[in-house]
Each structure stands twice: as C-alpha cells, then as structure tokens.
C-alpha atoms as a PDB file:
ATOM      1  CA  MET A   1       4.511 -56.720  93.555  1.00  0.00           C
ATOM      2  CA  GLU A   2       7.800 -58.795  93.323  1.00  0.00           C
ATOM      3  CA  ASP A   3       9.438 -60.244  95.865  1.00  0.00           C
ATOM      4  CA  ILE A   4      12.593 -58.684  97.033  1.00  0.00           C
ATOM      5  CA  SER A   5      15.881 -60.445  98.339  1.00  0.00           C
ATOM      6  CA  ALA A   6      17.348 -59.187 101.820  1.00  0.00           C
ATOM      7  CA  GLY A   7      20.842 -58.218 101.585  1.00  0.00           C
ATOM      8  CA  GLU A   8      21.006 -57.202  98.023  1.00  0.00           C
ATOM      9  CA  THR A   9      22.176 -53.762  96.205  1.00  0.00           C
ATOM     10  CA  VAL A  10      19.727 -51.884  94.483  1.00  0.00           C
ATOM     11  CA  SER A  11      21.423 -53.073  90.987  1.00  0.00           C
ATOM     12  CA  GLU A  12      21.778 -56.784  91.873  1.00  0.00           C
ATOM     13  CA  LEU A  13      17.871 -56.309  93.013  1.00  0.00           C
ATOM     14  CA  LEU A  14      16.901 -54.530  89.286  1.00  0.00           C
ATOM     15  CA  VAL A  15      18.906 -57.425  87.503  1.00  0.00           C
ATOM     16  CA  SER A  16      17.171 -60.184  89.357  1.00  0.00           C
ATOM     17  CA  ALA A  17      14.161 -59.385  89.059  1.00  0.00           C
ATOM     18  CA  ARG A  18      14.909 -57.893  84.817  1.00  0.00           C
ATOM     19  CA  GLU A  19      16.377 -61.405  84.105  1.00  0.00           C
ATOM     20  CA  LYS A  20      13.012 -63.550  86.082  1.00  0.00           C
ATOM     21  CA  LEU A  21      10.713 -61.390  83.466  1.00  0.00           C
ATOM     22  CA  GLY A  22      12.815 -62.233  80.812  1.00  0.00           C
ATOM     23  CA  LEU A  23      13.427 -58.789  79.895  1.00  0.00           C
ATOM     24  CA  SER A  24      16.955 -57.606  78.355  1.00  0.00           C
ATOM     25  CA  GLN A  25      18.453 -54.201  78.638  1.00  0.00           C
ATOM     26  CA  LYS A  26      17.329 -53.156  75.777  1.00  0.00           C
ATOM     27  CA  ASP A  27      13.822 -54.220  76.511  1.00  0.00           C
ATOM     28  CA  VAL A  28      13.927 -52.520  80.007  1.00  0.00           C
ATOM     29  CA  ALA A  29      15.339 -49.214  77.322  1.00  0.00           C
ATOM     30  CA  ASP A  30      12.853 -49.501  75.322  1.00  0.00           C
ATOM     31  CA  MET A  31      10.202 -49.420  77.394  1.00  0.00           C
ATOM     32  CA  LEU A  32      11.280 -46.061  79.477  1.00  0.00           C
ATOM     33  CA  PHE A  33      12.532 -44.493  76.061  1.00  0.00           C
ATOM     34  CA  LEU A  34      15.561 -44.479  77.303  1.00  0.00           C
ATOM     35  CA  GLN A  35      19.360 -45.229  76.082  1.00  0.00           C
ATOM     36  CA  ILE A  36      20.691 -48.676  76.679  1.00  0.00           C
ATOM     37  CA  THR A  37      23.529 -47.093  78.341  1.00  0.00           C
ATOM     38  CA  PHE A  38      21.839 -45.904  81.224  1.00  0.00           C
ATOM     39  CA  ILE A  39      20.114 -48.831  82.152  1.00  0.00           C
ATOM     40  CA  GLN A  40      23.599 -50.897  81.732  1.00  0.00           C
ATOM     41  CA  SER A  41      25.103 -48.253  83.441  1.00  0.00           C
ATOM     42  CA  ILE A  42      22.322 -48.918  86.553  1.00  0.00           C
ATOM     43  CA  ASP A  43      22.717 -52.678  86.165  1.00  0.00           C
ATOM     44  CA  GLU A  44      26.181 -52.699  87.080  1.00  0.00           C
ATOM     45  CA  GLY A  45      26.081 -49.722  89.956  1.00  0.00           C
ATOM     46  CA  LEU A  46      27.902 -47.386  88.093  1.00  0.00           C
ATOM     47  CA  PHE A  47      25.978 -44.490  89.117  1.00  0.00           C
ATOM     48  CA  ASN A  48      28.268 -41.623  88.331  1.00  0.00           C
ATOM     49  CA  GLU A  49      28.370 -42.897  85.218  1.00  0.00           C
ATOM     50  CA  LEU A  50      25.440 -41.685  84.321  1.00  0.00           C
ATOM     51  CA  PRO A  51      25.010 -38.342  82.023  1.00  0.00           C
ATOM     52  CA  LYS A  52      22.775 -36.674  84.305  1.00  0.00           C
ATOM     53  CA  ARG A  53      23.076 -37.516  88.051  1.00  0.00           C
ATOM     54  CA  ALA A  54      20.441 -35.627  88.925  1.00  0.00           C
ATOM     55  CA  TYR A  55      17.872 -37.933  87.499  1.00  0.00           C
ATOM     56  CA  ILE A  56      19.523 -41.650  89.196  1.00  0.00           C
ATOM     57  CA  LYS A  57      16.330 -42.024  91.456  1.00  0.00           C
ATOM     58  CA  GLY A  58      13.873 -40.941  88.388  1.00  0.00           C
ATOM     59  CA  TYR A  59      15.733 -43.634  86.217  1.00  0.00           C
ATOM     60  CA  LEU A  60      15.903 -46.010  90.019  1.00  0.00           C
ATOM     61  CA  ARG A  61      12.306 -45.432  90.014  1.00  0.00           C
ATOM     62  CA  SER A  62      10.689 -45.913  86.813  1.00  0.00           C
ATOM     63  CA  TYR A  63      13.423 -48.767  86.497  1.00  0.00           C
ATOM     64  CA  ALA A  64      11.316 -50.762  89.634  1.00  0.00           C
ATOM     65  CA  ARG A  65       7.754 -49.598  88.173  1.00  0.00           C
ATOM     66  CA  ALA A  66       8.849 -51.528  84.728  1.00  0.00           C
ATOM     67  CA  LEU A  67       9.729 -54.652  86.852  1.00  0.00           C
ATOM     68  CA  ASP A  68       7.114 -54.304  89.209  1.00  0.00           C
ATOM     69  CA  LEU A  69       9.234 -53.739  92.205  1.00  0.00           C
ATOM     70  CA  ASP A  70       8.356 -51.115  95.080  1.00  0.00           C
ATOM     71  CA  PRO A  71      10.207 -48.224  93.997  1.00  0.00           C
ATOM     72  CA  ASP A  72      10.103 -46.325  97.376  1.00  0.00           C
ATOM     73  CA  TYR A  73      12.330 -49.192  98.673  1.00  0.00           C
ATOM     74  CA  ILE A  74      14.793 -48.940  95.881  1.00  0.00           C
ATOM     75  CA  ILE A  75      14.970 -45.412  96.335  1.00  0.00           C
ATOM     76  CA  GLY A  76      15.214 -45.868 100.247  1.00  0.00           C
ATOM     77  CA  LEU A  77      18.032 -48.326  99.752  1.00  0.00           C
ATOM     78  CA  TYR A  78      20.293 -46.541  97.062  1.00  0.00           C
ATOM     79  CA  GLU A  79      20.135 -43.287  99.662  1.00  0.00           C
ATOM     80  CA  LEU A  80      21.279 -46.404 102.334  1.00  0.00           C
ATOM     81  CA  GLU A  81      23.894 -47.754  99.972  1.00  0.00           C
ATOM     82  CA  SER A  82      25.478 -43.789  99.123  1.00  0.00           C
ATOM     83  CA  ASP A  83      25.503 -43.023 102.787  1.00  0.00           C
ATOM     84  CA  SER A  84      27.795 -46.492 103.374  1.00  0.00           C
ATOM     85  CA  GLU A  85      30.157 -45.227 100.195  1.00  0.00           C
ATOM     86  CA  HIS A  86      30.274 -42.155 101.719  1.00  0.00           C
ATOM     87  CA  LEU A  87      30.964 -42.856 105.011  1.00  0.00           C
ATOM     88  CA  SER A  88      33.943 -45.615 103.345  1.00  0.00           C
ATOM     89  CA  ASP A  89      35.829 -42.572 101.286  1.00  0.00           C
ATOM     90  CA  VAL A  90      35.875 -40.811 104.652  1.00  0.00           C
ATOM     91  CA  ARG A  91      37.252 -43.871 106.739  1.00  0.00           C
ATOM     92  CA  ASP A  92      40.162 -44.220 104.094  1.00  0.00           C
ATOM     93  CA  VAL A  93      40.913 -41.177 104.552  1.00  0.00           C
ATOM     94  CA  MET A  94      41.238 -40.824 108.028  1.00  0.00           C
ATOM     95  CA  GLU A  95      43.335 -44.560 108.277  1.00  0.00           C
ATOM     96  CA  GLU A  96      46.798 -44.261 107.362  1.00  0.00           C
ATOM     97  CA  ARG A  97      47.955 -47.648 105.838  1.00  0.00           C
ATOM     98  CA  VAL A  98      52.081 -48.216 105.447  1.00  0.00           C
ATOM     99  CA  GLY A  99      52.251 -51.884 103.859  1.00  0.00           C
ATOM    100  CA  LYS A 100      50.220 -54.134 106.012  1.00  0.00           C
ATOM    101  CA  VAL A 101      49.751 -51.824 109.632  1.00  0.00           C
ATOM    102  CA  LEU A 102      46.754 -50.103 109.945  1.00  0.00           C
ATOM    103  CA  PHE A 103      47.603 -46.826 111.839  1.00  0.00           C
ATOM    104  CA  THR A 104      44.313 -47.188 114.504  1.00  0.00           C
ATOM    105  CA  GLY A 105      43.494 -46.889 118.089  1.00  0.00           C
ATOM    106  CA  PRO A 106      46.118 -46.863 120.494  1.00  0.00           C
ATOM    107  CA  LEU A 107      49.013 -47.005 117.594  1.00  0.00           C
ATOM    108  CA  LEU A 108      47.271 -43.859 116.060  1.00  0.00           C
ATOM    109  CA  GLN A 109      46.545 -41.934 119.722  1.00  0.00           C
ATOM    110  CA  ALA A 110      49.995 -42.051 120.220  1.00  0.00           C
ATOM    111  CA  GLY A 111      51.404 -40.670 117.228  1.00  0.00           C
ATOM    112  CA  VAL A 112      48.687 -37.949 117.248  1.00  0.00           C
ATOM    113  CA  PHE A 113      49.744 -37.365 120.938  1.00  0.00           C
ATOM    114  CA  GLY A 114      53.664 -36.970 120.000  1.00  0.00           C
ATOM    115  CA  LEU A 115      52.842 -34.950 116.925  1.00  0.00           C
ATOM    116  CA  SER A 116      50.752 -32.692 119.323  1.00  0.00           C
ATOM    117  CA  VAL A 117      53.784 -32.217 121.564  1.00  0.00           C
ATOM    118  CA  ILE A 118      56.138 -31.198 118.814  1.00  0.00           C
ATOM    119  CA  PHE A 119      54.031 -28.654 117.658  1.00  0.00           C
ATOM    120  CA  PHE A 120      53.475 -27.254 120.812  1.00  0.00           C
ATOM    121  CA  VAL A 121      57.367 -26.564 121.330  1.00  0.00           C
ATOM    122  CA  PHE A 122      57.844 -25.393 117.833  1.00  0.00           C
ATOM    123  CA  LEU A 123      55.057 -22.586 118.939  1.00  0.00           C
ATOM    124  CA  LEU A 124      56.897 -21.650 121.965  1.00  0.00           C
ATOM    125  CA  VAL A 125      60.312 -21.358 120.287  1.00  0.00           C
ATOM    126  CA  TRP A 126      58.405 -19.379 117.417  1.00  0.00           C
ATOM    127  CA  PHE A 127      56.666 -17.210 119.414  1.00  0.00           C
ATOM    128  CA  SER A 128      59.861 -16.458 121.849  1.00  0.00           C
ATOM    129  CA  SER A 129      61.589 -15.629 118.712  1.00  0.00           C
ATOM    130  CA  ASP A 130      58.651 -12.914 117.679  1.00  0.00           C
ATOM    131  CA  ASP A 131      58.645 -11.353 121.281  1.00  0.00           C
ATOM    132  CA  GLY A 132      62.649 -10.791 120.685  1.00  0.00           C
ATOM    133  CA  LYS A 133      62.179  -9.319 117.360  1.00  0.00           C
ATOM    134  CA  GLU A 134      59.530  -7.127 118.480  1.00  0.00           C
ATOM    135  CA  ILE A 135      61.432  -5.740 121.647  1.00  0.00           C
ATOM    136  CA  GLU A 136      64.421  -4.953 119.308  1.00  0.00           C
ATOM    137  CA  PHE A 137      62.317  -3.541 116.878  1.00  0.00           C
ATOM    138  CA  VAL A 138      60.604  -1.419 119.106  1.00  0.00           C
ATOM    139  CA  ASP A 139      64.295   0.097 120.821  1.00  0.00           C
ATOM    140  CA  ASP A 140      65.516   0.752 117.090  1.00  0.00           C
ATOM    141  CA  LEU A 141      62.549   2.952 116.575  1.00  0.00           C
ATOM    142  CA  SER A 142      63.173   4.544 120.180  1.00  0.00           C
ATOM    143  CA  ASN A 143      66.610   4.939 119.002  1.00  0.00           C
ATOM    144  CA  LEU A 144      65.759   6.660 115.892  1.00  0.00           C
ATOM    145  CA  GLY A 145      63.412   9.342 117.205  1.00  0.00           C
ATOM    146  CA  GLU A 146      65.718  10.435 119.326  1.00  0.00           C
ATOM    147  CA  VAL A 147      68.451  10.915 116.858  1.00  0.00           C
ATOM    148  CA  VAL A 148      65.179  12.672 114.886  1.00  0.00           C
ATOM    149  CA  GLN A 149      64.220  15.105 117.585  1.00  0.00           C
ATOM    150  CA  SER A 150      68.245  16.075 118.426  1.00  0.00           C
ATOM    151  CA  ASP A 151      68.815  16.792 114.730  1.00  0.00           C
ATOM    152  CA  PRO A 152      66.568  19.403 113.290  1.00  0.00           C
ATOM    153  CA  GLU A 153      67.622  18.830 109.043  1.00  0.00           C
ATOM    154  CA  THR A 154      66.799  14.781 109.749  1.00  0.00           C
ATOM    155  CA  THR A 155      63.426  15.958 110.978  1.00  0.00           C
ATOM    156  CA  GLU A 156      62.820  17.661 108.365  1.00  0.00           C
ATOM    157  CA  GLN A 157      63.952  14.988 105.535  1.00  0.00           C
ATOM    158  CA  ALA A 158      61.654  12.697 107.415  1.00  0.00           C
ATOM    159  CA  GLN A 159      58.419  14.901 107.150  1.00  0.00           C
ATOM    160  CA  VAL A 160      59.238  14.825 103.021  1.00  0.00           C
ATOM    161  CA  PHE A 161      60.234  11.410 103.255  1.00  0.00           C
ATOM    162  CA  GLU A 162      56.572  10.515 104.559  1.00  0.00           C
ATOM    163  CA  THR A 163      54.835  13.163 102.079  1.00  0.00           C
ATOM    164  CA  GLU A 164      55.726  11.528  99.375  1.00  0.00           C
ATOM    165  CA  SER A 165      55.471   8.239 100.605  1.00  0.00           C
ATOM    166  CA  ASN A 166      51.474   9.246 100.982  1.00  0.00           C
ATOM    167  CA  GLN A 167      50.828  10.800  97.884  1.00  0.00           C
ATOM    168  CA  ALA A 168      52.975   8.059  96.055  1.00  0.00           C
ATOM    169  CA  ASN A 169      50.808   4.870  97.764  1.00  0.00           C
ATOM    170  CA  PRO A 170      47.590   6.328  98.457  1.00  0.00           C
ATOM    171  CA  LEU A 171      45.362   3.611 100.489  1.00  0.00           C
ATOM    172  CA  PRO A 172      41.716   3.218  99.512  1.00  0.00           C
ATOM    173  CA  PRO A 173      38.950   3.755 101.445  1.00  0.00           C
ATOM    174  CA  VAL A 174      37.426   0.160 103.325  1.00  0.00           C
ATOM    175  CA  GLU A 175      34.303   0.170 103.811  1.00  0.00           C
ATOM    176  CA  LEU A 176      32.355  -1.885 106.540  1.00  0.00           C
ATOM    177  CA  ASN A 177      29.601  -3.488 106.349  1.00  0.00           C
ATOM    178  CA  ASP A 178      26.809  -3.573 109.590  1.00  0.00           C
ATOM    179  CA  ALA A 179      28.289  -6.711 110.847  1.00  0.00           C
ATOM    180  CA  GLY A 180      32.354  -4.853 111.004  1.00  0.00           C
ATOM    181  CA  SER A 181      33.664  -6.412 107.719  1.00  0.00           C
ATOM    182  CA  THR A 182      35.174  -5.324 104.417  1.00  0.00           C
ATOM    183  CA  SER A 183      33.216  -5.778 101.823  1.00  0.00           C
ATOM    184  CA  GLN A 184      35.838  -7.681 100.413  1.00  0.00           C
ATOM    185  CA  GLU A 185      35.956 -10.127 102.911  1.00  0.00           C
ATOM    186  CA  GLU A 186      32.140 -10.901 103.030  1.00  0.00           C
ATOM    187  CA  GLY A 187      32.373 -11.679  99.331  1.00  0.00           C
ATOM    188  CA  VAL A 188      35.842 -14.266 100.156  1.00  0.00           C
ATOM    189  CA  LEU A 189      32.972 -15.659 102.866  1.00  0.00           C
ATOM    190  CA  ASN A 190      30.086 -15.888 100.171  1.00  0.00           C
ATOM    191  CA  ASP A 191      32.547 -17.525  97.582  1.00  0.00           C
ATOM    192  CA  SER A 192      33.366 -19.803 100.318  1.00  0.00           C
ATOM    193  CA  MET A 193      29.977 -20.979 101.094  1.00  0.00           C
ATOM    194  CA  ASP A 194      29.206 -21.010  97.386  1.00  0.00           C
ATOM    195  CA  GLY A 195      31.798 -23.940  96.982  1.00  0.00           C
ATOM    196  CA  LYS A 196      31.120 -25.457 100.227  1.00  0.00           C
ATOM    197  CA  THR A 197      27.573 -25.910  99.101  1.00  0.00           C
ATOM    198  CA  ALA A 198      28.631 -27.286  95.565  1.00  0.00           C
ATOM    199  CA  GLU A 199      30.629 -30.061  97.667  1.00  0.00           C
ATOM    200  CA  SER A 200      28.602 -30.592 100.040  1.00  0.00           C
ATOM    201  CA  GLY A 201      26.220 -33.093  97.976  1.00  0.00           C
ATOM    202  CA  LEU A 202      22.933 -31.038  98.750  1.00  0.00           C
ATOM    203  CA  SER A 203      20.131 -31.834  96.087  1.00  0.00           C
ATOM    204  CA  ILE A 204      18.430 -29.939  94.113  1.00  0.00           C
ATOM    205  CA  GLU A 205      15.244 -29.730  95.731  1.00  0.00           C
ATOM    206  CA  ASP A 206      17.323 -28.498  98.881  1.00  0.00           C
ATOM    207  CA  ILE A 207      19.302 -26.093  97.179  1.00  0.00           C
ATOM    208  CA  LYS A 208      16.203 -24.941  95.323  1.00  0.00           C
ATOM    209  CA  GLY A 209      13.508 -25.547  97.862  1.00  0.00           C
ATOM    210  CA  ILE A 210      11.305 -27.468  94.987  1.00  0.00           C
ATOM    211  CA  THR A 211       8.613 -29.488  96.183  1.00  0.00           C
ATOM    212  CA  LEU A 212       6.192 -32.426  94.143  1.00  0.00           C
ATOM    213  CA  GLU A 213       3.059 -32.720  95.305  1.00  0.00           C
ATOM    214  CA  ARG A 214       0.831 -35.464  93.744  1.00  0.00           C
ATOM    215  CA  SER A 215      -3.091 -36.419  93.768  1.00  0.00           C
ATOM    216  CA  SER A 216      -5.680 -38.071  91.608  1.00  0.00           C
ATOM    217  CA  LYS A 217      -8.941 -36.628  90.655  1.00  0.00           C
ATOM    218  CA  ASP A 218     -11.499 -38.249  88.075  1.00  0.00           C
ATOM    219  CA  GLY A 219      -9.289 -40.736  87.118  1.00  0.00           C
ATOM    220  CA  LYS A 220      -6.287 -38.200  86.607  1.00  0.00           C
ATOM    221  CA  GLN A 221      -3.384 -38.321  88.168  1.00  0.00           C
ATOM    222  CA  TYR A 222      -2.061 -34.581  88.890  1.00  0.00           C
ATOM    223  CA  ILE A 223       1.915 -33.704  89.815  1.00  0.00           C
ATOM    224  CA  LEU A 224       2.594 -30.074  90.772  1.00  0.00           C
ATOM    225  CA  VAL A 225       6.284 -29.258  90.883  1.00  0.00           C
ATOM    226  CA  GLN A 226       7.399 -25.490  92.124  1.00  0.00           C
ATOM    227  CA  ALA A 227      10.242 -24.791  91.447  1.00  0.00           C
ATOM    228  CA  GLY A 228      11.307 -20.725  92.661  1.00  0.00           C
ATOM    229  CA  GLY A 229       9.095 -19.030  89.172  1.00  0.00           C
ATOM    230  CA  GLU A 230       5.426 -18.027  87.716  1.00  0.00           C
ATOM    231  CA  ASP A 231       6.756 -19.307  84.738  1.00  0.00           C
ATOM    232  CA  HIS A 232       4.020 -22.741  83.457  1.00  0.00           C
ATOM    233  CA  LEU A 233       4.313 -25.558  81.952  1.00  0.00           C
ATOM    234  CA  VAL A 234       1.822 -28.346  81.324  1.00  0.00           C
ATOM    235  CA  PHE A 235       1.634 -31.469  80.280  1.00  0.00           C
ATOM    236  CA  ALA A 236      -1.096 -34.408  79.457  1.00  0.00           C
ATOM    237  CA  PHE A 237      -0.023 -37.443  79.080  1.00  0.00           C
ATOM    238  CA  LEU A 238      -2.183 -40.084  76.534  1.00  0.00           C
ATOM    239  CA  GLY A 239       0.610 -42.900  77.261  1.00  0.00           C
ATOM    240  CA  GLN A 240       4.052 -42.901  79.148  1.00  0.00           C
ATOM    241  CA  CYS A 241       6.908 -40.692  77.954  1.00  0.00           C
ATOM    242  CA  TRP A 242       9.651 -39.547  80.085  1.00  0.00           C
ATOM    243  CA  VAL A 243      10.562 -35.806  80.568  1.00  0.00           C
ATOM    244  CA  GLU A 244      12.963 -34.101  81.788  1.00  0.00           C
ATOM    245  CA  VAL A 245      13.164 -30.464  82.200  1.00  0.00           C
ATOM    246  CA  GLU A 246      15.825 -27.903  83.172  1.00  0.00           C
ATOM    247  CA  ASP A 247      15.073 -23.926  84.354  1.00  0.00           C
ATOM    248  CA  ALA A 248      16.506 -21.176  83.195  1.00  0.00           C
ATOM    249  CA  GLU A 249      19.350 -21.767  85.969  1.00  0.00           C
ATOM    250  CA  GLY A 250      20.640 -24.477  84.496  1.00  0.00           C
ATOM    251  CA  TYR A 251      18.931 -26.951  87.865  1.00  0.00           C
ATOM    252  CA  SER A 252      17.301 -30.251  86.822  1.00  0.00           C
ATOM    253  CA  ILE A 253      13.834 -29.788  88.156  1.00  0.00           C
ATOM    254  CA  TYR A 254      12.148 -32.718  86.913  1.00  0.00           C
ATOM    255  CA  GLY A 255      12.654 -35.886  85.871  1.00  0.00           C
ATOM    256  CA  ASP A 256      10.545 -38.664  86.009  1.00  0.00           C
ATOM    257  CA  LEU A 257       8.827 -41.601  83.705  1.00  0.00           C
ATOM    258  CA  ASN A 258       5.436 -40.543  83.074  1.00  0.00           C
ATOM    259  CA  SER A 259       2.294 -42.700  82.067  1.00  0.00           C
ATOM    260  CA  GLU A 260      -1.129 -42.262  80.770  1.00  0.00           C
ATOM    261  CA  ASN A 261      -3.728 -40.136  81.924  1.00  0.00           C
ATOM    262  CA  ASP A 262      -0.764 -38.182  83.697  1.00  0.00           C
ATOM    263  CA  VAL A 263      -1.562 -34.227  84.253  1.00  0.00           C
ATOM    264  CA  LEU A 264       1.772 -32.325  85.491  1.00  0.00           C
ATOM    265  CA  ASN A 265       2.138 -28.802  86.059  1.00  0.00           C
ATOM    266  CA  ILE A 266       6.218 -27.232  86.525  1.00  0.00           C
ATOM    267  CA  TYR A 267       6.289 -23.420  88.087  1.00  0.00           C
ATOM    268  CA  GLY A 268       9.953 -22.253  87.729  1.00  0.00           C
ATOM    269  CA  MET A 269      12.202 -20.084  86.271  1.00  0.00           C
ATOM    270  CA  ALA A 270      12.103 -19.565  81.884  1.00  0.00           C
ATOM    271  CA  PRO A 271      14.122 -20.440  79.702  1.00  0.00           C
ATOM    272  CA  PHE A 272      13.191 -24.111  79.641  1.00  0.00           C
ATOM    273  CA  ASN A 273      14.758 -27.135  78.187  1.00  0.00           C
ATOM    274  CA  VAL A 274      12.882 -29.823  77.885  1.00  0.00           C
ATOM    275  CA  VAL A 275      13.460 -33.400  77.104  1.00  0.00           C
ATOM    276  CA  LEU A 276      10.624 -35.742  75.637  1.00  0.00           C
ATOM    277  CA  GLY A 277      10.954 -39.219  75.307  1.00  0.00           C
ATOM    278  CA  ARG A 278       8.107 -39.852  73.628  1.00  0.00           C
ATOM    279  CA  ALA A 279       6.655 -36.736  72.236  1.00  0.00           C
ATOM    280  CA  ALA A 280       4.192 -38.236  70.038  1.00  0.00           C
ATOM    281  CA  VAL A 281       2.164 -39.356  73.117  1.00  0.00           C
ATOM    282  CA  VAL A 282       2.414 -35.559  75.227  1.00  0.00           C
ATOM    283  CA  THR A 283       0.152 -32.417  74.667  1.00  0.00           C
ATOM    284  CA  MET A 284       2.089 -29.330  75.839  1.00  0.00           C
ATOM    285  CA  SER A 285       1.348 -25.913  76.530  1.00  0.00           C
ATOM    286  CA  TYR A 286       3.899 -22.860  77.986  1.00  0.00           C
ATOM    287  CA  ASN A 287       2.419 -20.026  79.863  1.00  0.00           C
ATOM    288  CA  GLY A 288      -1.166 -20.742  78.601  1.00  0.00           C
ATOM    289  CA  GLU A 289      -0.002 -21.073  74.870  1.00  0.00           C
ATOM    290  CA  GLU A 290      -0.161 -24.454  73.366  1.00  0.00           C
ATOM    291  CA  ILE A 291       3.088 -26.239  71.993  1.00  0.00           C
ATOM    292  CA  ASP A 292       2.470 -27.569  68.016  1.00  0.00           C
ATOM    293  CA  LEU A 293       3.985 -30.817  68.412  1.00  0.00           C
ATOM    294  CA  SER A 294       2.697 -32.405  65.298  1.00  0.00           C
ATOM    295  CA  GLU A 295       5.940 -32.842  63.628  1.00  0.00           C
ATOM    296  CA  TYR A 296       7.265 -35.106  65.984  1.00  0.00           C
ATOM    297  CA  THR A 297       3.524 -37.208  66.106  1.00  0.00           C
ATOM    298  CA  GLU A 298       5.109 -40.195  64.024  1.00  0.00           C
ATOM    299  CA  SER A 299       8.572 -40.709  65.671  1.00  0.00           C
ATOM    300  CA  ASP A 300       9.164 -41.999  68.824  1.00  0.00           C
ATOM    301  CA  GLN A 301      12.438 -40.586  68.990  1.00  0.00           C
ATOM    302  CA  ILE A 302      13.912 -38.398  71.616  1.00  0.00           C
ATOM    303  CA  ILE A 303      13.341 -34.607  71.031  1.00  0.00           C
ATOM    304  CA  GLU A 304      14.515 -31.360  72.823  1.00  0.00           C
ATOM    305  CA  ILE A 305      12.676 -28.269  73.191  1.00  0.00           C
ATOM    306  CA  LYS A 306      13.616 -24.559  74.869  1.00  0.00           C
ATOM    307  CA  LEU A 307      10.930 -22.835  75.617  1.00  0.00           C
ATOM    308  CA  GLY A 308      10.813 -18.988  76.331  1.00  0.00           C
ATOM    309  CA  GLN A 309      13.826 -18.308  74.688  1.00  0.00           C
ATOM    310  CA  THR A 310      13.865 -14.355  74.068  1.00  0.00           C
END
C-alpha cells in the first residue's frame, strides 16, 4: 500500500497518489468505468456534486484501490471530514456575527438572560390579561343565563337557535387509537417523523437495514447483500466492472467496483434498476433466469437495465 501522509484531506491524498503514479483524471475514470466528472468532483472535494451521493463511499473505495491506497483509511477519513463539516455548520448557525464582533461567551449569556427576562414579563402580562377576559366572559354568560330564565320567549328562541346550529354544523366523530390520540394527529406525527428521518443524515443501510457480507472460497470472492426482499440477482465477473443497483423503492442498495472472480448475490425488492460499467465481462441472472447480455459483449459503454417490471 502507498504511504499516507498525515494531515491531508481525502481529496489531497487521492490527488497526490494519482499524480505520483503519473495518472490523469481520465486514466482513473477509464480504470473505474466512471465518467471523468466524477473523478473531478472527488479531486476537488465537491462530494455534494456527485450525481448519486449514496455511492460516494463506493467511489472513494474504488478510487483508493486503483491507487493502491488503504480503502478503509480513506473511508474513515471521509467520515471524519463529514462529521467535522456538520459540526462547523451547527456552530455557524449558533454564532451571530455583527461586523467584527462575535457574540459568544459572557456576552452571549448576558443577551440570553436579558431576553429571558423580557419573555417572562411578557408572559405575565399576557396571562393576566387573559384571566381578566375569562372572568368577564363567565360573568356575561351568567347574566345571559339569568335573562334567559326570566323570559320564556327568549328561552324558546335560544333552543331553536341551538337546534339549527347543530344541524348546520354537525361535528364529525373523532376516532381514538389505543394511545388516546386521534388518527389525524397520528398522521401528522408520522409525517413529521418521516421528514426528520430524511433530514437526519441516516445512511441507506440504517434506513433499510441493508447488510453486506464478504467471504472467500476456491479462489472466488463472494459478496452477499441482503436488502429486505426475496428477489434475487446474481452477478459473476470475468474482469473489473462498476455495478449500481436500485430497488423498487428507489433506494441505492449497492454500488461498487467489482473485480475478476467476484460473485455478487443481492436479495431485494424488484423491479431493479441495474447499471453496469462494462457488461462484456459480466454474466447475470434474475430469480434463476439468465439475462442475455450478448448484445453488449463488444462494447465497453455503460448500460442500464431494468429487471422485474410487470
């Protein structure tokens, strides 16, 4: 493995190793069967500009292998950089700059305390005014009740008005679940939780419960991917080929550069969208039925296949 210098970023390490080997960005792109724009984005550290962010770690792992770097070290460094950028964003939001003055430490604490006092006084005034209104409203209702009781004609009119109001605006029945909340409230809660999941930065592996296992036997490398389904894809490789697979829900359940003698098994939910960087070196089957890739055997072009459509 190539020696790795401490203190460098992922992009700096990859660019340095690539240049030491005398490789251009196009050379690496051709080796990995990727578009050159992918390599350019990685070299510049613009990971957010990659078209399929779910495959970032796969791209980095393949890039590292091509340059004889330690893939696990590169992935670990990328994760540290990502965490550091996230903390930096949070800090920027928490700090307020006015000119050259930074409101932190004692100055920030004093400001927060002052705002708290103002807010507390506001609440006292608001609750006091509400209490007065509530008492006044109750007194008005009491007076109204006395007037109604003293005038039979008024009582009859009030009963007629109440009946007409109930008929005009019937209240729909409210269904409660076992926890005592309404189904509408539960739906809103679920929607908000879905939004939080999308914004929480959880990986696809966390969301889908995807597992990936590797093993070796008789000179072959076996890769098993379990992605929450029973539909079965099998890939056997005679050479290097980039593979991407999306399931029926649109999740990117696999993305990596496979090598000669690799055997990839994927279980998931069809239909699948499969991208092959070099179909000429791949044999493939879906639910036990071999997929004919003969029309692509003379081409090294990237192809996209949909399997399991009804």
